[in-house]
Amino acid sequence: MVNRGLVIALAKEPMRAWLKSLPDPCDVTLEELNHDCTAYLVPEFEDDRERERVLKRFFGMIFEDRLAGWWIDEQDWPQKRDLRTFRKWFDLQYFSVVEDLVDDLTTCQIDQTF
């Protein structure tokens, strides 16, 4: 077990609307926006209070990473990127247990299998 938590930020309609408003608009569905999106390892948390502290510490990095994944010109990013806006733009999935199934032995066995 890894002593970390995991957060996935799934885009909601405001993210999609922003993409459509860009100089080179991107018309994607929410399903496309959230397909194979990044999972973020964060410090471990045991309850809602700790989870909220983790979110307050890392939401800015996650917000900017999701924006940069679709549009790198920061001048076109939304000016307001506070926690309240983040919550409007993303649904969050939290996982408090992360199991690492890969170690040196497993890696060697997997490499030989594929």
Protein backbone atom coordinates (compact mmCIF):
# COMPACT_ATOMS: atom_id res chain seq x y z
CA MET A 1 0.00 0.00 0.00
CA VAL A 2 1.20 3.49 -0.85
CA ASN A 3 0.80 6.10 1.89
CA ARG A 4 -1.02 8.44 -0.44
CA GLY A 5 -4.52 9.35 -1.47
CA LEU A 6 -5.72 9.81 -5.00
CA VAL A 7 -7.90 12.54 -6.55
CA ILE A 8 -9.49 12.65 -9.97
CA ALA A 9 -11.01 15.95 -11.17
CA LEU A 10 -13.77 15.33 -13.69
CA ALA A 11 -14.65 18.34 -15.83
CA LYS A 12 -18.13 19.82 -15.68
CA GLU A 13 -19.96 22.12 -18.08
CA PRO A 14 -18.05 25.35 -17.23
CA MET A 15 -14.80 23.72 -18.41
CA ARG A 16 -16.45 22.67 -21.66
CA ALA A 17 -17.93 26.15 -22.15
CA TRP A 18 -14.49 27.72 -21.60
CA LEU A 19 -12.97 25.44 -24.24
CA LYS A 20 -15.66 26.51 -26.70
CA SER A 21 -14.90 30.21 -25.98
CA LEU A 22 -11.19 30.03 -26.81
CA PRO A 23 -9.63 31.71 -29.89
CA ASP A 24 -9.39 28.25 -31.48
CA PRO A 25 -12.56 26.71 -30.00
CA CYS A 26 -12.58 23.11 -28.99
CA ASP A 27 -16.02 21.51 -29.18
CA VAL A 28 -15.75 18.35 -27.08
CA THR A 29 -18.22 16.46 -24.98
CA LEU A 30 -17.83 16.06 -21.24
CA GLU A 31 -17.22 12.39 -21.88
CA GLU A 32 -14.28 13.27 -24.13
CA LEU A 33 -12.98 15.78 -21.58
CA ASN A 34 -12.99 13.15 -18.88
CA HIS A 35 -11.78 10.17 -20.85
CA ASP A 36 -8.48 8.89 -19.47
CA CYS A 37 -7.89 12.03 -17.40
CA THR A 38 -5.05 12.44 -14.95
CA ALA A 39 -5.17 10.95 -11.47
CA TYR A 40 -3.31 12.92 -8.81
CA LEU A 41 -1.49 11.36 -5.88
CA VAL A 42 -1.92 13.52 -2.79
CA PRO A 43 -1.02 13.14 0.87
CA GLU A 44 -3.02 10.44 2.60
CA PHE A 45 -6.24 11.41 4.37
CA GLU A 46 -8.51 9.54 6.72
CA ASP A 47 -11.61 11.68 7.01
CA ASP A 48 -13.50 14.53 5.34
CA ARG A 49 -11.66 17.19 7.33
CA GLU A 50 -8.25 15.93 6.21
CA ARG A 51 -9.51 15.47 2.66
CA GLU A 52 -10.66 19.11 2.62
CA ARG A 53 -7.22 20.27 3.83
CA VAL A 54 -5.59 18.29 1.02
CA LEU A 55 -7.95 19.82 -1.52
CA LYS A 56 -7.26 23.37 -0.30
CA ARG A 57 -3.54 22.73 -0.63
CA PHE A 58 -3.59 21.21 -4.12
CA PHE A 59 -6.67 22.44 -5.99
CA GLY A 60 -4.71 25.24 -7.72
CA MET A 61 -2.16 22.84 -9.17
CA ILE A 62 -4.88 20.45 -10.31
CA PHE A 63 -6.94 23.30 -11.83
CA GLU A 64 -3.95 24.62 -13.78
CA ASP A 65 -2.91 21.16 -14.89
CA ARG A 66 -6.38 20.43 -16.28
CA LEU A 67 -6.41 23.80 -18.10
CA ALA A 68 -2.91 23.30 -19.50
CA GLY A 69 -3.85 19.86 -20.73
CA TRP A 70 -6.21 21.52 -23.20
CA TRP A 71 -4.82 25.04 -23.72
CA ILE A 72 -1.32 26.24 -22.84
CA ASP A 73 -1.73 30.01 -23.33
CA GLU A 74 -2.27 31.14 -19.74
CA GLN A 75 -3.55 34.54 -20.89
CA ASP A 76 -6.70 32.78 -22.05
CA TRP A 77 -7.20 30.90 -18.80
CA PRO A 78 -10.01 32.07 -16.54
CA GLN A 79 -8.84 34.86 -14.27
CA LYS A 80 -10.76 33.54 -11.28
CA ARG A 81 -9.29 30.19 -10.23
CA ASP A 82 -10.25 30.02 -6.59
CA LEU A 83 -11.57 26.97 -4.74
CA ARG A 84 -15.19 27.95 -5.32
CA THR A 85 -14.63 28.17 -9.09
CA PHE A 86 -12.71 24.90 -9.03
CA ARG A 87 -15.69 23.16 -7.43
CA LYS A 88 -18.00 24.61 -10.11
CA TRP A 89 -15.72 23.36 -12.88
CA PHE A 90 -14.91 19.88 -11.54
CA ASP A 91 -16.49 16.94 -9.79
CA LEU A 92 -13.96 15.25 -7.56
CA GLN A 93 -13.45 11.58 -6.92
CA TYR A 94 -11.35 10.70 -3.89
CA PHE A 95 -9.65 7.44 -3.07
CA SER A 96 -8.02 7.07 0.34
CA VAL A 97 -6.32 3.75 -0.38
CA VAL A 98 -3.79 3.33 -3.19
CA GLU A 99 -2.23 -0.06 -3.77
CA ASP A 100 1.01 -0.28 -5.74
CA LEU A 101 1.02 -3.61 -7.54
CA VAL A 102 4.38 -3.02 -9.17
CA ASP A 103 7.65 -3.93 -7.53
CA ASP A 104 10.93 -5.17 -8.97
CA LEU A 105 9.81 -8.80 -9.18
CA THR A 106 6.41 -7.99 -10.62
CA THR A 107 7.94 -5.64 -13.18
CA CYS A 108 10.26 -8.35 -14.43
CA GLN A 109 7.40 -10.85 -14.66
CA ILE A 110 5.14 -8.39 -16.47
CA ASP A 111 7.86 -7.41 -18.93
CA GLN A 112 8.44 -11.06 -19.82
CA THR A 113 4.72 -11.73 -20.22
CA PHE A 114 4.13 -8.90 -22.69
